[in-house]
Amino acid sequence: MAKKKQLRSQSWFGREDIYGFIYRSWVKNRGVPHDQFDGRPVIGICNTWSELTPCNTHFRVIAEHVRNGILEAGGFPLEFPVMSLGETLMRPTAMLYRNLASMDVEESIRANPLDGVVLLVGCDKTTPALLMGTASVDIPAIAVSGGPMLSGKYRGTDIGSGTNTWSMSEDVRAGKMSVDEFHEAESCMHRSHGHCMTMGTASTMACMVEALGMGMPGNAAIPAVDARRNVLARNAGRRIVDMVREDLRISKILRREAFENAIRANAAIGGSTNAVIHLIALARRVGVKLDLDDWDRLGRGVHTLLNLMPSGKYLMEDFYYAGGLPVVLRELGEQGLLHKKALTVNGNTIWENNKKAECFKRDVITPFEKPFKKNTGIAVLRGNLCPDGAIIKPSAASPRLMKHKGRAVVFEDIRDFHGRIDDPRLDIDENCVMVLKNCGPKGYPGMAEVGNMPLPPKVLKKGITDMVRISDARMSGTAYGTVVLHIAPEAAAGGALALVENGDMIELDVAKRRLHLDVPERELARRRKKWKAPKAPMSRGYTKLYVDHVLQADKGADLDFLVGSSGANVPKDNH
């Protein structure tokens, strides 16, 4: 009989020396009996609960359900906190701290007696941060999303997180909505626990968790307040104990096939452009080669099946009632667009989990043969303005603007934009191309969601609701419009975007995947000689570390020294 592999936690708790005494004794002060240290799997519950992260404020309850599941399966649960990234409150942007949170997770897991971990994720950046950190340790892990809020209700209509925030804000600026009505809508939009109930980044990443195989079936869409969310959490707690016994580590799930499944799923749901950066960063943590060209290649020919804001009209609650992500995955599988043998955390293949999924409302989840929108996967653009790539989300863009040439109206940074956009003297019309610089990873810093620039009032008052907008920033997953994002290299790193001047002609041709600055190379060379890098935002602390080491958007905006993994080695004793 093969010798049973000793669990990692036994290097702490299985000792009969002074060190074992130390490690066990202090844990016992909680009333833990000695038999809990008998070699059973020790499971960390990695919690991003915080009152500063409104999307995750219900995680105390979810953690208890996970704990119950772990105990039922014979494990020993130990909950621990990590940095919580509140997308709605953190400034300058939660994205600045995604990599810091991933370091927190990685080091917390490696430094402690954990055999497996359940990751409680919800708000935008908590999901990729926790997955990235855990991937670099490579122990068994399950991600449990907190679930979306209930649909917003305002004066007899459904309103969605972010999506209607942007549209209502534009209505106020256009004089179509009063400030009092705007304030009323605030309470009507977010009326329950949970993350954004549009297909914003939070819901997109919850879908990515399920499509990657890192979450239990159904993880993506169950509303936060639905009892079935707690059942899923409990089952995840049970399952992680068996995953430890099976040594089903994260690297066995996050393989090339899993990422390809996720990319196609993102196209089918009309998912957030932020997923591009997060999945590339995650793939690089586990040694999977994934780049922008993969997103373009794998997204071609995939239709948007989900009629959900910001691309459509429904919300996540409707998505769940219609059958949820399993229906989408079944549609992809039946079209030969799914690696059916990809392994998932419950021990089944992705196809075994989803092949019998039923759709209960075809207006919400359309069939592949009659899709909501055709050929709308993330498009990757190239050209002299973005030699390392840029992206656009066709499902949220205006078809009339997918091929466009216009005069550049340039904003040097976000302060310049806010200072001038409402000025009636601004020389701009609906045919212009709005250009925003210095909002990338280094430039903002942190690559904020400011790419979906509000239109000038003089254009809005004409009834125009979309223009071509170009930047090195990100866009909120809840936003919409013909918005070109993630230009690499960014302006602050000396990319061509830094050289654009007012009046330059810019050509966008999504079908040809082209973004071109119509300025002779000789003139660009002259401008490049005059260009000066912006002053660093900080001279100390994490922000300095970030700016000095952050990679560009096409590489996932991770820190260069975090790429790859260090494993789950047991460190030296602490005394």
Protein backbone atom coordinates (compact mmCIF):
# COMPACT_ATOMS: atom_id res chain seq x y z
CA MET A 1 0.00 0.00 0.00
CA ALA A 2 1.30 3.41 -0.96
CA LYS A 3 2.20 5.65 1.93
CA LYS A 4 -0.39 8.34 2.54
CA LYS A 5 0.97 11.78 1.64
CA GLN A 6 1.37 14.01 4.68
CA LEU A 7 -0.64 17.16 4.42
CA ARG A 8 1.12 20.47 4.44
CA SER A 9 -0.56 21.55 7.68
CA GLN A 10 1.04 18.67 9.56
CA SER A 11 4.38 20.46 9.32
CA TRP A 12 2.80 22.76 11.91
CA PHE A 13 0.20 20.73 13.77
CA GLY A 14 1.56 17.17 13.52
CA ARG A 15 4.72 17.81 15.53
CA GLU A 16 5.47 16.41 19.01
CA ASP A 17 8.17 18.92 19.84
CA ILE A 18 8.27 22.47 21.17
CA TYR A 19 7.21 23.81 17.79
CA GLY A 20 4.12 21.62 17.64
CA PHE A 21 3.27 22.84 21.14
CA ILE A 22 3.53 26.46 19.99
CA TYR A 23 1.53 25.99 16.79
CA ARG A 24 -1.31 24.06 18.48
CA SER A 25 -1.49 25.78 21.84
CA TRP A 26 -2.38 29.25 20.64
CA VAL A 27 -5.02 27.91 18.24
CA LYS A 28 -6.60 26.03 21.15
CA ASN A 29 -7.48 29.33 22.84
CA ARG A 30 -10.58 29.41 20.63
CA GLY A 31 -11.82 26.22 22.26
CA VAL A 32 -10.48 23.93 19.54
CA PRO A 33 -10.24 20.29 20.75
CA HIS A 34 -6.94 18.45 20.33
CA ASP A 35 -8.42 15.97 17.85
CA GLN A 36 -8.78 18.75 15.26
CA PHE A 37 -5.02 18.50 14.76
CA ASP A 38 -5.12 14.79 13.89
CA GLY A 39 -4.19 15.18 10.23
CA ARG A 40 -7.52 16.24 8.77
CA PRO A 41 -7.32 18.86 5.97
CA VAL A 42 -6.95 22.41 7.23
CA ILE A 43 -8.96 24.69 4.97
CA GLY A 44 -8.53 28.43 4.83
CA ILE A 45 -11.58 30.58 4.19
CA CYS A 46 -10.07 33.59 2.46
CA ASN A 47 -12.54 36.39 3.16
CA THR A 48 -12.71 39.78 1.46
CA TRP A 49 -15.49 41.02 3.73
CA SER A 50 -15.33 44.72 4.45
CA GLU A 51 -17.78 47.54 5.06
CA LEU A 52 -15.60 49.53 2.66
CA THR A 53 -16.46 46.99 -0.05
CA PRO A 54 -20.27 47.21 -0.30
CA CYS A 55 -20.43 44.34 -2.80
CA ASN A 56 -18.91 41.96 -0.22
CA THR A 57 -20.68 42.99 3.00
CA HIS A 58 -22.69 39.74 3.12
CA PHE A 59 -19.60 37.54 3.12
CA ARG A 60 -19.74 36.92 6.87
CA VAL A 61 -22.88 34.86 6.24
CA ILE A 62 -21.38 33.09 3.21
CA ALA A 63 -18.25 32.25 5.23
CA GLU A 64 -20.38 30.49 7.85
CA HIS A 65 -21.98 28.30 5.20
CA VAL A 66 -18.55 27.44 3.80
CA ARG A 67 -17.38 26.65 7.34
CA ASN A 68 -20.34 24.31 7.91
CA GLY A 69 -19.55 22.47 4.68
CA ILE A 70 -15.90 22.03 5.65
CA LEU A 71 -16.85 20.63 9.05
CA GLU A 72 -19.40 18.27 7.50
CA ALA A 73 -16.70 16.86 5.21
CA GLY A 74 -14.24 16.33 8.04
CA GLY A 75 -12.02 19.36 7.53
CA PHE A 76 -10.74 21.98 9.93
CA PRO A 77 -11.80 25.51 8.80
CA LEU A 78 -9.74 28.60 9.60
CA GLU A 79 -11.05 31.91 8.28
CA PHE A 80 -8.60 34.70 7.50
CA PRO A 81 -8.91 38.20 6.02
CA VAL A 82 -7.08 39.64 3.06
CA MET A 83 -7.08 43.09 1.54
CA SER A 84 -10.57 43.92 0.31
CA LEU A 85 -10.84 45.97 -2.87
CA GLY A 86 -13.96 48.09 -2.96
CA GLU A 87 -14.47 49.11 -6.56
CA THR A 88 -17.01 51.80 -5.71
CA LEU A 89 -15.05 53.64 -3.00
CA MET A 90 -11.30 53.15 -3.56
CA ARG A 91 -9.32 55.96 -5.17
CA PRO A 92 -7.60 56.45 -7.50
CA THR A 93 -8.80 52.99 -8.59
CA ALA A 94 -9.11 49.52 -7.08
CA MET A 95 -7.06 48.22 -10.02
CA LEU A 96 -4.00 49.91 -8.53
CA TYR A 97 -4.27 47.49 -5.62
CA ARG A 98 -5.21 44.26 -7.42
CA ASN A 99 -1.59 43.13 -7.48
CA LEU A 100 -1.07 44.13 -3.84
CA ALA A 101 -4.09 42.05 -2.81
CA SER A 102 -2.74 39.12 -4.82
CA MET A 103 0.52 39.39 -2.87
CA ASP A 104 -1.46 39.44 0.38
CA VAL A 105 -3.26 36.23 -0.62
CA GLU A 106 -0.14 34.46 -1.85
CA GLU A 107 1.94 35.25 1.21
CA SER A 108 -0.91 34.59 3.67
CA ILE A 109 -1.47 31.12 2.24
CA ARG A 110 2.21 30.18 2.03
CA ALA A 111 3.00 31.42 5.54
CA ASN A 112 0.17 29.54 7.26
CA PRO A 113 -0.77 25.86 7.87
CA LEU A 114 -3.28 25.58 5.03
CA ASP A 115 -3.91 22.57 2.78
CA GLY A 116 -6.64 24.13 0.68
CA VAL A 117 -8.55 27.37 0.46
CA VAL A 118 -12.02 28.67 -0.39
CA LEU A 119 -11.82 32.13 -1.93
CA LEU A 120 -14.74 34.45 -1.18
CA VAL A 121 -14.85 36.85 -4.11
CA GLY A 122 -17.32 39.36 -5.47
CA CYS A 123 -16.39 42.95 -6.19
CA ASP A 124 -14.47 43.47 -9.43
CA LYS A 125 -10.85 43.11 -8.39
CA THR A 126 -11.26 40.68 -5.50
CA THR A 127 -11.89 37.85 -7.96
CA PRO A 128 -8.73 38.14 -10.09
CA ALA A 129 -6.59 39.16 -7.10
CA LEU A 130 -7.49 36.07 -5.08
CA LEU A 131 -7.19 33.74 -8.06
CA MET A 132 -3.80 35.20 -9.01
CA GLY A 133 -2.40 34.95 -5.50
CA THR A 134 -3.63 31.40 -4.99
CA ALA A 135 -2.38 30.32 -8.41
CA SER A 136 1.12 31.41 -7.44
CA VAL A 137 0.98 29.13 -4.38
CA ASP A 138 -0.74 26.31 -6.27
CA ILE A 139 -2.80 24.52 -3.65
CA PRO A 140 -6.35 23.15 -3.99
CA ALA A 141 -8.80 26.04 -4.21
CA ILE A 142 -12.42 26.87 -4.97
CA ALA A 143 -13.74 30.35 -5.68
CA VAL A 144 -17.19 31.23 -4.32
CA SER A 145 -18.67 34.43 -5.74
CA GLY A 146 -20.98 36.52 -3.58
CA GLY A 147 -23.62 36.77 -6.30
CA PRO A 148 -25.33 39.71 -7.98
CA MET A 149 -27.84 42.09 -6.40
CA LEU A 150 -31.52 41.90 -7.18
CA SER A 151 -32.63 43.91 -10.19
CA GLY A 152 -32.89 47.65 -9.64
CA LYS A 153 -36.41 49.08 -9.80
CA TYR A 154 -37.07 52.73 -10.64
CA ARG A 155 -40.50 54.15 -11.48
CA GLY A 156 -41.76 50.94 -13.00
CA THR A 157 -38.63 50.05 -14.96
CA ASP A 158 -35.60 47.84 -14.36
CA ILE A 159 -32.35 49.71 -13.90
CA GLY A 160 -28.89 48.21 -13.79
CA SER A 161 -25.72 48.94 -11.85
CA GLY A 162 -23.38 51.24 -13.68
CA THR A 163 -25.17 51.02 -17.02
CA ASN A 164 -28.02 53.26 -15.90
CA THR A 165 -25.64 55.29 -13.75
CA TRP A 166 -23.88 56.35 -16.94
CA SER A 167 -27.08 56.92 -18.90
CA MET A 168 -28.82 58.84 -16.09
CA SER A 169 -25.74 60.99 -15.59
CA GLU A 170 -25.82 61.85 -19.28
CA ASP A 171 -29.54 62.67 -18.96
CA VAL A 172 -28.80 65.08 -16.09
CA ARG A 173 -26.07 66.77 -18.13
CA ALA A 174 -28.43 66.97 -21.11
CA GLY A 175 -31.19 68.51 -18.98
CA LYS A 176 -33.52 65.49 -19.33
CA MET A 177 -33.40 64.39 -15.66
CA SER A 178 -33.46 66.44 -12.47
CA VAL A 179 -30.90 66.10 -9.69
CA ASP A 180 -33.69 65.03 -7.28
CA GLU A 181 -34.71 62.22 -9.64
CA PHE A 182 -31.05 61.23 -9.92
CA HIS A 183 -30.80 60.98 -6.12
CA GLU A 184 -33.99 58.91 -5.95
CA ALA A 185 -32.57 56.45 -8.45
CA GLU A 186 -29.53 55.86 -6.20
CA SER A 187 -31.67 54.02 -3.66
CA CYS A 188 -33.70 52.23 -6.30
CA MET A 189 -30.68 50.81 -8.11
CA HIS A 190 -28.84 49.03 -5.28
CA ARG A 191 -31.51 47.51 -3.03
CA SER A 192 -29.95 44.28 -1.80
CA HIS A 193 -26.64 42.66 -0.94
CA GLY A 194 -24.46 41.59 -3.83
CA HIS A 195 -22.30 42.89 -6.62
CA CYS A 196 -23.37 44.66 -9.83
CA MET A 197 -26.33 42.92 -11.44
CA THR A 198 -25.43 43.99 -14.97
CA MET A 199 -22.81 42.09 -16.95
CA GLY A 200 -20.18 44.35 -15.47
CA THR A 201 -16.76 43.20 -14.39
CA ALA A 202 -17.98 41.61 -11.15
CA SER A 203 -20.58 39.43 -12.88
CA THR A 204 -18.20 38.79 -15.77
CA MET A 205 -15.51 37.52 -13.42
CA ALA A 206 -18.07 35.35 -11.60
CA CYS A 207 -18.83 33.83 -15.00
CA MET A 208 -15.11 33.44 -15.67
CA VAL A 209 -14.73 31.54 -12.37
CA GLU A 210 -17.36 29.06 -13.54
CA ALA A 211 -16.11 28.86 -17.14
CA LEU A 212 -12.53 28.29 -15.97
CA GLY A 213 -13.74 25.42 -13.80
CA MET A 214 -12.69 27.20 -10.59
CA GLY A 215 -16.22 27.48 -9.18
CA MET A 216 -19.07 25.09 -8.52
CA PRO A 217 -21.72 24.81 -11.26
CA GLY A 218 -24.15 27.71 -10.98
CA ASN A 219 -21.61 30.02 -9.33
CA ALA A 220 -22.02 32.84 -11.84
CA ALA A 221 -25.62 33.96 -11.58
CA ILE A 222 -27.39 32.92 -8.35
CA PRO A 223 -28.49 36.19 -6.69
CA ALA A 224 -26.66 37.08 -3.49
CA VAL A 225 -29.84 36.95 -1.40
CA ASP A 226 -31.09 33.65 -2.86
CA ALA A 227 -30.81 30.73 -0.43
CA ARG A 228 -29.27 28.68 -3.21
CA ARG A 229 -26.17 30.93 -3.03
CA ASN A 230 -25.66 29.70 0.53
CA VAL A 231 -26.19 26.10 -0.55
CA LEU A 232 -23.49 26.54 -3.19
CA ALA A 233 -21.14 27.96 -0.55
CA ARG A 234 -21.83 24.99 1.74
CA ASN A 235 -21.19 22.51 -1.06
CA ALA A 236 -17.96 24.31 -1.90
CA GLY A 237 -16.87 23.86 1.71
CA ARG A 238 -17.58 20.14 1.47
CA ARG A 239 -15.84 19.77 -1.88
CA ILE A 240 -12.59 21.55 -0.97
CA VAL A 241 -11.88 18.90 1.68
CA ASP A 242 -12.04 16.17 -0.95
CA MET A 243 -9.95 18.24 -3.34
CA VAL A 244 -7.17 18.29 -0.75
CA ARG A 245 -7.40 14.53 -0.35
CA GLU A 246 -7.25 14.17 -4.14
CA ASP A 247 -4.42 16.73 -4.44
CA LEU A 248 -6.51 18.56 -7.06
CA ARG A 249 -4.42 21.72 -7.18
CA ILE A 250 -5.29 24.90 -9.05
CA SER A 251 -2.65 24.21 -11.75
CA LYS A 252 -4.49 21.01 -12.72
CA ILE A 253 -7.59 23.07 -13.54
CA LEU A 254 -6.15 26.30 -14.93
CA ARG A 255 -4.76 24.85 -18.13
CA ARG A 256 -4.75 26.24 -21.63
CA GLU A 257 -8.12 24.63 -22.42
CA ALA A 258 -9.76 26.29 -19.42
CA PHE A 259 -8.65 29.75 -20.54
CA GLU A 260 -9.87 29.17 -24.08
CA ASN A 261 -13.25 28.11 -22.69
CA ALA A 262 -13.39 31.28 -20.61
CA ILE A 263 -12.53 33.55 -23.56
CA ARG A 264 -15.33 32.09 -25.65
CA ALA A 265 -17.72 32.28 -22.72
CA ASN A 266 -16.82 35.94 -22.30
CA ALA A 267 -17.75 36.58 -25.93
CA ALA A 268 -21.03 34.70 -25.56
CA ILE A 269 -22.13 36.66 -22.48
CA GLY A 270 -20.99 40.07 -23.75
CA GLY A 271 -18.51 40.16 -20.87
CA SER A 272 -16.39 43.00 -19.58
CA THR A 273 -13.24 44.14 -21.35
CA ASN A 274 -11.53 43.99 -17.95
CA ALA A 275 -11.56 40.20 -18.23
CA VAL A 276 -8.90 40.49 -20.94
CA ILE A 277 -6.37 41.94 -18.51
CA HIS A 278 -7.32 39.68 -15.61
CA LEU A 279 -7.21 36.40 -17.52
CA ILE A 280 -3.89 37.23 -19.16
CA ALA A 281 -2.43 38.06 -15.74
CA LEU A 282 -3.86 34.86 -14.22
CA ALA A 283 -2.57 32.70 -17.07
CA ARG A 284 0.94 34.09 -16.63
CA ARG A 285 0.84 33.09 -12.94
CA VAL A 286 0.35 29.41 -13.89
CA GLY A 287 2.70 29.40 -16.88
CA VAL A 288 0.03 29.34 -19.58
CA LYS A 289 0.91 31.43 -22.64
CA LEU A 290 -2.07 33.68 -23.32
CA ASP A 291 -2.01 36.93 -25.24
CA LEU A 292 -4.22 39.45 -26.99
CA ASP A 293 -4.14 37.56 -30.26
CA ASP A 294 -5.75 34.59 -28.49
CA TRP A 295 -8.65 36.81 -27.48
CA ASP A 296 -9.14 37.98 -31.04
CA ARG A 297 -8.76 34.54 -32.60
CA LEU A 298 -10.95 32.68 -30.14
CA GLY A 299 -13.60 35.40 -30.03
CA ARG A 300 -14.13 35.44 -33.83
CA GLY A 301 -17.25 33.62 -34.84
CA VAL A 302 -18.65 33.61 -31.31
CA HIS A 303 -21.97 35.41 -30.98
CA THR A 304 -23.35 37.25 -27.99
CA LEU A 305 -26.14 35.02 -26.72
CA LEU A 306 -27.01 36.95 -23.59
CA ASN A 307 -29.46 39.84 -23.79
CA LEU A 308 -28.13 41.61 -20.70
CA MET A 309 -27.07 45.15 -19.84
CA PRO A 310 -24.90 46.86 -20.95
CA SER A 311 -25.23 45.09 -24.32
CA GLY A 312 -28.94 44.28 -23.92
CA LYS A 313 -31.89 44.93 -21.59
CA TYR A 314 -32.06 42.19 -18.92
CA LEU A 315 -30.17 41.77 -15.64
CA MET A 316 -28.37 38.98 -13.76
CA GLU A 317 -31.46 37.93 -11.84
CA ASP A 318 -33.16 37.27 -15.19
CA PHE A 319 -30.08 35.39 -16.37
CA TYR A 320 -30.27 33.03 -13.42
CA TYR A 321 -33.99 32.36 -13.85
CA ALA A 322 -33.40 31.67 -17.55
CA GLY A 323 -30.89 28.94 -16.74
CA GLY A 324 -27.65 30.83 -16.07
CA LEU A 325 -24.19 30.22 -17.46
CA PRO A 326 -24.68 26.42 -17.83
CA VAL A 327 -27.04 27.16 -20.75
CA VAL A 328 -24.43 29.35 -22.44
CA LEU A 329 -21.74 26.71 -21.94
CA ARG A 330 -24.02 24.04 -23.39
CA GLU A 331 -24.65 26.22 -26.47
CA LEU A 332 -20.89 26.65 -26.94
CA GLY A 333 -20.28 22.95 -26.46
CA GLU A 334 -22.87 21.98 -29.05
CA GLN A 335 -21.14 24.29 -31.54
CA GLY A 336 -17.74 22.71 -30.95
CA LEU A 337 -16.55 25.87 -29.17
CA LEU A 338 -15.83 24.28 -25.80
CA HIS A 339 -13.03 22.03 -24.62
CA LYS A 340 -15.41 19.51 -23.13
CA LYS A 341 -12.82 17.53 -21.19
CA ALA A 342 -11.54 20.51 -19.20
CA LEU A 343 -11.52 19.58 -15.52
CA THR A 344 -13.48 21.54 -12.91
CA VAL A 345 -13.30 21.81 -9.12
CA ASN A 346 -16.16 19.37 -8.51
CA GLY A 347 -14.16 16.61 -10.18
CA ASN A 348 -16.29 16.51 -13.33
CA THR A 349 -15.46 17.85 -16.75
CA ILE A 350 -17.03 21.11 -17.86
CA TRP A 351 -19.23 19.18 -20.28
CA GLU A 352 -20.43 16.72 -17.65
CA ASN A 353 -21.52 19.71 -15.58
CA ASN A 354 -23.40 21.50 -18.35
CA LYS A 355 -24.52 19.12 -21.11
CA LYS A 356 -28.07 18.83 -19.74
CA ALA A 357 -28.60 22.53 -18.96
CA GLU A 358 -32.05 23.85 -19.90
CA CYS A 359 -33.04 27.33 -21.00
CA PHE A 360 -36.27 28.67 -19.56
CA LYS A 361 -36.42 32.02 -21.36
CA ARG A 362 -34.98 32.36 -24.83
CA ASP A 363 -35.37 36.13 -24.92
CA VAL A 364 -32.69 36.30 -22.22
CA ILE A 365 -30.36 33.54 -23.47
CA THR A 366 -30.70 33.21 -27.22
CA PRO A 367 -29.74 30.08 -29.18
CA PHE A 368 -26.51 30.14 -31.16
CA GLU A 369 -28.44 29.84 -34.44
CA LYS A 370 -30.45 33.00 -33.63
CA PRO A 371 -28.09 35.02 -31.44
CA PHE A 372 -28.78 38.30 -29.72
CA LYS A 373 -25.82 39.83 -31.58
CA LYS A 374 -23.55 38.24 -34.20
CA ASN A 375 -19.73 38.04 -34.17
CA THR A 376 -19.27 40.28 -31.16
CA GLY A 377 -16.30 38.79 -29.35
CA ILE A 378 -13.62 41.19 -28.05
CA ALA A 379 -11.79 42.69 -31.02
CA VAL A 380 -8.05 43.38 -30.81
CA LEU A 381 -6.85 46.37 -32.83
CA ARG A 382 -3.37 47.05 -34.19
CA GLY A 383 -1.76 50.03 -35.88
CA ASN A 384 0.75 52.80 -35.40
CA LEU A 385 -1.32 54.18 -32.52
CA CYS A 386 -1.28 50.87 -30.64
CA PRO A 387 1.63 48.69 -31.83
CA ASP A 388 1.18 46.36 -28.83
CA GLY A 389 -2.58 46.28 -29.20
CA ALA A 390 -5.83 47.86 -28.12
CA ILE A 391 -9.31 46.40 -27.63
CA ILE A 392 -12.94 47.22 -28.27
CA LYS A 393 -16.15 45.49 -27.18
CA PRO A 394 -18.34 45.29 -30.31
CA SER A 395 -21.43 44.08 -28.44
CA ALA A 396 -21.61 47.39 -26.54
CA ALA A 397 -20.60 49.64 -29.46
CA SER A 398 -22.60 51.45 -32.15
CA PRO A 399 -22.48 49.62 -35.50
CA ARG A 400 -22.40 52.94 -37.37
CA LEU A 401 -19.12 53.88 -35.69
CA MET A 402 -17.26 50.60 -36.16
CA LYS A 403 -15.65 52.14 -39.22
CA HIS A 404 -14.94 55.81 -38.64
CA LYS A 405 -12.45 58.57 -39.39
CA GLY A 406 -12.47 61.73 -37.35
CA ARG A 407 -10.57 64.68 -35.98
CA ALA A 408 -8.86 64.11 -32.63
CA VAL A 409 -9.91 66.18 -29.63
CA VAL A 410 -7.17 65.53 -27.10
CA PHE A 411 -7.29 65.52 -23.30
CA GLU A 412 -3.85 65.22 -21.73
CA ASP A 413 -5.10 63.57 -18.55
CA ILE A 414 -8.29 63.07 -16.55
CA ARG A 415 -8.04 66.50 -14.88
CA ASP A 416 -7.79 68.14 -18.28
CA PHE A 417 -10.83 66.16 -19.40
CA HIS A 418 -13.00 67.15 -16.43
CA GLY A 419 -11.87 70.76 -16.71
CA ARG A 420 -12.88 71.15 -20.37
CA ILE A 421 -15.56 68.63 -21.36
CA ASP A 422 -18.52 70.74 -20.21
CA ASP A 423 -17.15 73.97 -21.68
CA PRO A 424 -19.54 75.13 -24.45
CA ARG A 425 -16.54 76.66 -26.24
CA LEU A 426 -14.89 73.24 -26.66
CA ASP A 427 -14.24 72.68 -30.37
CA ILE A 428 -15.91 69.29 -30.78
CA ASP A 429 -18.80 67.63 -32.58
CA GLU A 430 -20.17 64.10 -32.89
CA ASN A 431 -17.79 63.26 -35.76
CA CYS A 432 -14.67 63.88 -33.70
CA VAL A 433 -12.61 61.23 -31.93
CA MET A 434 -12.15 61.88 -28.21
CA VAL A 435 -8.61 60.99 -27.07
CA LEU A 436 -7.64 60.64 -23.40
CA LYS A 437 -3.99 60.22 -22.42
CA ASN A 438 -2.07 59.23 -19.29
CA CYS A 439 -4.70 56.93 -17.80
CA GLY A 440 -2.88 53.62 -18.20
CA PRO A 441 -1.16 51.46 -15.56
CA LYS A 442 1.65 53.96 -14.94
CA GLY A 443 -0.16 57.11 -15.95
CA TYR A 444 -3.20 57.23 -13.67
CA PRO A 445 -1.71 55.28 -11.82
CA GLY A 446 -3.54 51.96 -11.83
CA MET A 447 -5.37 52.18 -15.16
CA ALA A 448 -8.72 53.55 -13.98
CA GLU A 449 -12.13 52.97 -15.56
CA VAL A 450 -12.32 56.34 -17.26
CA GLY A 451 -12.18 55.16 -20.87
CA ASN A 452 -15.94 55.56 -21.34
CA MET A 453 -15.64 59.33 -21.30
CA PRO A 454 -18.92 61.25 -20.85
CA LEU A 455 -19.90 63.08 -24.01
CA PRO A 456 -19.90 66.89 -24.08
CA PRO A 457 -23.29 68.51 -23.35
CA LYS A 458 -23.29 70.30 -26.73
CA VAL A 459 -23.33 66.86 -28.41
CA LEU A 460 -25.77 65.25 -25.96
CA LYS A 461 -28.28 68.04 -26.51
CA LYS A 462 -28.39 67.05 -30.20
CA GLY A 463 -29.64 63.61 -29.15
CA ILE A 464 -26.28 61.99 -29.91
CA THR A 465 -25.41 59.28 -27.35
CA ASP A 466 -22.19 57.77 -28.72
CA MET A 467 -18.88 58.89 -30.16
CA VAL A 468 -15.58 57.14 -30.82
CA ARG A 469 -13.44 57.40 -27.70
CA ILE A 470 -9.81 56.24 -27.44
CA SER A 471 -7.56 55.92 -24.40
CA ASP A 472 -5.01 53.83 -22.52
CA ALA A 473 -7.55 53.49 -19.70
CA ARG A 474 -10.03 50.75 -18.88
CA MET A 475 -13.82 50.96 -19.11
CA SER A 476 -16.29 49.86 -16.50
CA GLY A 477 -17.78 46.52 -17.43
CA THR A 478 -21.17 48.12 -16.90
CA ALA A 479 -20.48 50.82 -19.50
CA TYR A 480 -21.21 50.94 -23.21
CA GLY A 481 -20.26 52.81 -26.33
CA THR A 482 -17.71 52.77 -29.16
CA VAL A 483 -14.77 52.90 -26.82
CA VAL A 484 -11.24 51.81 -27.73
CA LEU A 485 -9.30 50.83 -24.62
CA HIS A 486 -6.02 49.47 -23.24
CA ILE A 487 -3.81 51.15 -25.84
CA ALA A 488 -0.32 49.73 -25.44
CA PRO A 489 2.20 51.07 -24.89
CA GLU A 490 0.40 53.67 -22.80
CA ALA A 491 1.07 57.39 -23.07
CA ALA A 492 3.00 57.59 -19.79
CA ALA A 493 5.38 54.92 -21.08
CA GLY A 494 6.08 56.89 -24.25
CA GLY A 495 3.61 55.13 -26.51
CA ALA A 496 2.33 56.74 -29.69
CA LEU A 497 -0.80 57.87 -27.85
CA ALA A 498 1.38 60.43 -26.06
CA LEU A 499 2.12 62.07 -29.43
CA VAL A 500 -1.46 62.68 -30.61
CA GLU A 501 -2.37 66.36 -31.03
CA ASN A 502 -5.63 68.20 -31.56
CA GLY A 503 -6.70 68.04 -35.20
CA ASP A 504 -4.89 64.80 -36.06
CA MET A 505 -7.03 62.40 -38.08
CA ILE A 506 -7.61 58.97 -36.59
CA GLU A 507 -9.02 55.97 -38.47
CA LEU A 508 -10.89 53.13 -36.78
CA ASP A 509 -11.81 50.02 -38.74
CA VAL A 510 -12.92 47.21 -36.42
CA ALA A 511 -13.58 44.73 -39.23
CA LYS A 512 -9.96 45.11 -40.36
CA ARG A 513 -8.75 45.29 -36.73
CA ARG A 514 -7.06 48.60 -37.51
CA LEU A 515 -6.44 51.77 -35.50
CA HIS A 516 -4.33 54.31 -37.35
CA LEU A 517 -3.02 57.77 -36.56
CA ASP A 518 -2.84 59.60 -39.89
CA VAL A 519 0.39 61.47 -39.14
CA PRO A 520 3.64 60.95 -41.09
CA GLU A 521 6.36 59.03 -39.25
CA ARG A 522 8.75 61.95 -39.67
CA GLU A 523 6.35 64.22 -37.78
CA LEU A 524 5.85 61.60 -35.07
CA ALA A 525 9.62 61.35 -34.68
CA ARG A 526 9.81 65.11 -34.22
CA ARG A 527 7.11 65.02 -31.57
CA ARG A 528 8.79 62.08 -29.83
CA LYS A 529 11.98 64.10 -29.35
CA LYS A 530 9.99 66.83 -27.57
CA TRP A 531 8.03 64.41 -25.35
CA LYS A 532 8.80 64.26 -21.64
CA ALA A 533 7.64 61.49 -19.32
CA PRO A 534 5.15 62.65 -16.67
CA LYS A 535 6.33 63.07 -13.11
CA ALA A 536 5.98 59.94 -10.98
CA PRO A 537 2.87 60.14 -8.78
CA MET A 538 4.68 58.97 -5.63
CA SER A 539 8.27 58.74 -4.47
CA ARG A 540 7.69 56.00 -1.87
CA GLY A 541 5.44 53.14 -0.82
CA TYR A 542 3.40 50.70 -2.82
CA THR A 543 2.46 53.19 -5.53
CA LYS A 544 6.13 53.74 -6.36
CA LEU A 545 6.71 49.98 -6.37
CA TYR A 546 3.71 49.58 -8.68
CA VAL A 547 4.72 52.26 -11.17
CA ASP A 548 8.31 50.99 -11.28
CA HIS A 549 7.30 47.38 -11.95
CA VAL A 550 3.86 47.26 -13.57
CA LEU A 551 3.59 45.61 -16.97
CA GLN A 552 1.53 47.05 -19.81
CA ALA A 553 -2.10 46.12 -20.42
CA ASP A 554 -1.29 43.56 -23.10
CA LYS A 555 0.75 41.65 -20.48
CA GLY A 556 -2.02 41.72 -17.87
CA ALA A 557 -0.79 44.77 -15.89
CA ASP A 558 0.76 42.47 -13.29
CA LEU A 559 3.98 43.40 -11.50
CA ASP A 560 6.95 41.98 -13.37
CA PHE A 561 8.31 40.16 -10.31
CA LEU A 562 4.95 38.47 -9.60
CA VAL A 563 4.68 36.62 -12.91
CA GLY A 564 4.91 32.87 -12.33
CA SER A 565 4.66 30.99 -9.06
CA SER A 566 6.67 30.12 -5.96
CA GLY A 567 4.69 27.09 -4.86
CA ALA A 568 3.49 26.02 -1.44
CA ASN A 569 6.82 25.24 0.19
CA VAL A 570 6.74 25.09 3.98
CA PRO A 571 8.81 27.98 5.38
CA LYS A 572 11.29 27.73 8.26
CA ASP A 573 9.97 27.55 11.82
CA ASN A 574 9.21 30.88 13.47
CA HIS A 575 11.15 30.32 16.66
